[in-house]
Amino acid sequence: MLHDLRHTHASILLKLGVSMKTVSDRLAPIVITLDTYGHLLPGQDASAANLFSSVVLGASVSKM
């Protein structure tokens, strides 16, 4: 039961946009947190590319 509550806690925080580092600080070492919950953050790479390109190039990179 405690494991389920920890998983729910982490999943909700990540879905709300709380950083992986913050969630990790609350639960477990970041390597474990990334391995366990990384799948909850799809599209984050494309978002990072778009943000970076908009700052550096003033352009947007489309999703693949």
Protein backbone atom coordinates (compact mmCIF):
# COMPACT_ATOMS: atom_id res chain seq x y z
CA MET A 1 0.00 0.00 0.00
CA LEU A 2 2.80 2.45 0.86
CA HIS A 3 4.48 1.68 -2.48
CA ASP A 4 1.23 2.46 -4.31
CA LEU A 5 0.93 5.80 -2.52
CA ARG A 6 4.52 6.69 -3.41
CA HIS A 7 3.90 5.79 -7.04
CA THR A 8 0.69 7.83 -7.17
CA HIS A 9 2.42 10.77 -5.48
CA ALA A 10 5.27 10.75 -8.01
CA SER A 11 2.99 10.22 -11.01
CA ILE A 12 0.70 13.11 -10.10
CA LEU A 13 3.55 15.51 -9.42
CA LEU A 14 5.26 14.69 -12.72
CA LYS A 15 2.01 15.04 -14.68
CA LEU A 16 1.54 18.46 -13.06
CA GLY A 17 4.95 19.54 -14.35
CA VAL A 18 6.99 19.27 -11.17
CA SER A 19 10.62 18.70 -12.10
CA MET A 20 12.09 15.22 -11.97
CA LYS A 21 14.73 16.55 -9.55
CA THR A 22 12.11 17.79 -7.10
CA VAL A 23 10.15 14.54 -7.26
CA SER A 24 13.38 12.61 -6.82
CA ASP A 25 14.33 14.67 -3.77
CA ARG A 26 11.03 13.64 -2.20
CA LEU A 27 11.22 9.93 -3.05
CA ALA A 28 14.45 8.26 -4.13
CA PRO A 29 17.78 8.80 -5.88
CA ILE A 30 17.24 10.42 -9.28
CA VAL A 31 18.46 7.37 -11.21
CA ILE A 32 15.72 5.25 -9.64
CA THR A 33 13.14 7.99 -10.17
CA LEU A 34 14.10 8.38 -13.84
CA ASP A 35 14.05 4.64 -14.46
CA THR A 36 10.67 4.25 -12.77
CA TYR A 37 8.82 7.37 -13.91
CA GLY A 38 10.61 8.61 -17.03
CA HIS A 39 7.89 7.15 -19.25
CA LEU A 40 5.45 9.69 -17.80
CA LEU A 41 7.22 12.53 -19.58
CA PRO A 42 6.76 11.79 -23.31
CA GLY A 43 7.41 14.67 -25.65
CA GLN A 44 9.69 16.46 -23.23
CA ASP A 45 12.60 16.25 -25.70
CA ALA A 46 10.57 17.91 -28.45
CA SER A 47 9.45 20.60 -26.02
CA ALA A 48 13.04 21.27 -25.03
CA ALA A 49 14.12 21.49 -28.69
CA ASN A 50 11.30 23.92 -29.47
CA LEU A 51 12.10 26.10 -26.48
CA PHE A 52 15.81 26.16 -27.25
CA SER A 53 15.29 26.93 -30.94
CA SER A 54 12.82 29.70 -30.17
CA VAL A 55 15.39 31.38 -27.92
CA VAL A 56 18.43 30.86 -30.15
CA LEU A 57 16.94 30.94 -33.63
CA GLY A 58 13.59 32.59 -33.15
CA ALA A 59 12.08 29.52 -34.85
CA SER A 60 10.16 26.42 -33.89
CA VAL A 61 11.17 22.80 -34.44
CA SER A 62 8.22 20.60 -35.37
CA LYS A 63 7.43 17.37 -33.54
CA MET A 64 8.55 14.15 -35.17
